[in-house]
Amino acid sequence: MLTGLFEPLHLIVILGIVLLVFGGRKLPEIGAGMGKAISNFRRAYKDEPESAKVESDKSTKV
């Protein structure tokens, strides 16, 4: 279904459309925002919430 999506010509066309829609000045801001969002997601995924730690401690004591 998506076999030809990542061909170089298709990627150039997609990049051109994105450039037309958002403009050249906005793309670095979008990239930086996406990078921060990904790093925050990884950090949140890595850190286990306190409630989950308490739940796991209770289950090991039983």
C-alpha atoms as a PDB file:
ATOM      1  CA  MET A   1       0.000   0.000   0.000  1.00  0.00           C
ATOM      2  CA  LEU A   2       2.745   2.491   0.929  1.00  0.00           C
ATOM      3  CA  THR A   3       5.527   0.902  -1.111  1.00  0.00           C
ATOM      4  CA  GLY A   4       6.423   3.955  -3.206  1.00  0.00           C
ATOM      5  CA  LEU A   5       5.960   6.602  -0.532  1.00  0.00           C
ATOM      6  CA  PHE A   6       9.608   6.967   0.447  1.00  0.00           C
ATOM      7  CA  GLU A   7      11.068   7.371  -3.020  1.00  0.00           C
ATOM      8  CA  PRO A   8      13.295  10.468  -3.325  1.00  0.00           C
ATOM      9  CA  LEU A   9      11.009  12.239  -5.793  1.00  0.00           C
ATOM     10  CA  HIS A  10       7.991  11.793  -3.531  1.00  0.00           C
ATOM     11  CA  LEU A  11       9.896  13.093  -0.520  1.00  0.00           C
ATOM     12  CA  ILE A  12      10.974  16.189  -2.479  1.00  0.00           C
ATOM     13  CA  VAL A  13       7.365  16.864  -3.510  1.00  0.00           C
ATOM     14  CA  ILE A  14       6.146  16.435   0.086  1.00  0.00           C
ATOM     15  CA  LEU A  15       8.893  18.761   1.357  1.00  0.00           C
ATOM     16  CA  GLY A  16       7.902  21.337  -1.273  1.00  0.00           C
ATOM     17  CA  ILE A  17       4.255  21.214  -0.248  1.00  0.00           C
ATOM     18  CA  VAL A  18       5.186  21.588   3.430  1.00  0.00           C
ATOM     19  CA  LEU A  19       7.412  24.532   2.550  1.00  0.00           C
ATOM     20  CA  LEU A  20       4.573  26.203   0.655  1.00  0.00           C
ATOM     21  CA  VAL A  21       2.048  25.638   3.439  1.00  0.00           C
ATOM     22  CA  PHE A  22       4.158  26.697   6.428  1.00  0.00           C
ATOM     23  CA  GLY A  23       6.789  28.943   4.866  1.00  0.00           C
ATOM     24  CA  GLY A  24      10.551  28.918   5.323  1.00  0.00           C
ATOM     25  CA  ARG A  25      10.603  30.936   8.544  1.00  0.00           C
ATOM     26  CA  LYS A  26       8.133  28.724  10.373  1.00  0.00           C
ATOM     27  CA  LEU A  27       9.798  25.347   9.630  1.00  0.00           C
ATOM     28  CA  PRO A  28      12.683  25.703  12.170  1.00  0.00           C
ATOM     29  CA  GLU A  29      10.175  26.620  14.882  1.00  0.00           C
ATOM     30  CA  ILE A  30       8.034  23.601  14.040  1.00  0.00           C
ATOM     31  CA  GLY A  31      11.098  21.334  14.067  1.00  0.00           C
ATOM     32  CA  ALA A  32      12.266  22.663  17.424  1.00  0.00           C
ATOM     33  CA  GLY A  33       8.790  22.268  18.894  1.00  0.00           C
ATOM     34  CA  MET A  34       8.542  18.685  17.667  1.00  0.00           C
ATOM     35  CA  GLY A  35      11.991  17.912  19.088  1.00  0.00           C
ATOM     36  CA  LYS A  36      11.006  19.268  22.500  1.00  0.00           C
ATOM     37  CA  ALA A  37       7.744  17.320  22.406  1.00  0.00           C
ATOM     38  CA  ILE A  38       9.539  14.069  21.591  1.00  0.00           C
ATOM     39  CA  SER A  39      12.125  14.586  24.330  1.00  0.00           C
ATOM     40  CA  ASN A  40       9.399  15.399  26.873  1.00  0.00           C
ATOM     41  CA  PHE A  41       7.483  12.298  25.824  1.00  0.00           C
ATOM     42  CA  ARG A  42      10.583  10.122  26.222  1.00  0.00           C
ATOM     43  CA  ARG A  43      11.314  11.638  29.634  1.00  0.00           C
ATOM     44  CA  ALA A  44       7.728  11.100  30.802  1.00  0.00           C
ATOM     45  CA  TYR A  45       7.726   7.549  29.463  1.00  0.00           C
ATOM     46  CA  LYS A  46      11.017   6.777  31.186  1.00  0.00           C
ATOM     47  CA  ASP A  47      10.006   8.198  34.582  1.00  0.00           C
ATOM     48  CA  GLU A  48       7.484   6.002  36.301  1.00  0.00           C
ATOM     49  CA  PRO A  49       4.731   7.914  38.115  1.00  0.00           C
ATOM     50  CA  GLU A  50       4.682   7.755  41.917  1.00  0.00           C
ATOM     51  CA  SER A  51       1.249   6.112  42.009  1.00  0.00           C
ATOM     52  CA  ALA A  52       2.482   3.237  39.851  1.00  0.00           C
ATOM     53  CA  LYS A  53       5.483   2.748  42.164  1.00  0.00           C
ATOM     54  CA  VAL A  54       3.208   2.538  45.209  1.00  0.00           C
ATOM     55  CA  GLU A  55       0.930   0.063  43.427  1.00  0.00           C
ATOM     56  CA  SER A  56       3.872  -2.173  42.497  1.00  0.00           C
ATOM     57  CA  ASP A  57       5.238  -2.038  46.079  1.00  0.00           C
ATOM     58  CA  LYS A  58       1.871  -3.112  47.474  1.00  0.00           C
ATOM     59  CA  SER A  59       1.595  -6.017  45.053  1.00  0.00           C
ATOM     60  CA  THR A  60       5.072  -7.354  45.918  1.00  0.00           C
ATOM     61  CA  LYS A  61       4.340  -7.299  49.677  1.00  0.00           C
ATOM     62  CA  VAL A  62       1.200  -9.434  49.357  1.00  0.00           C
END
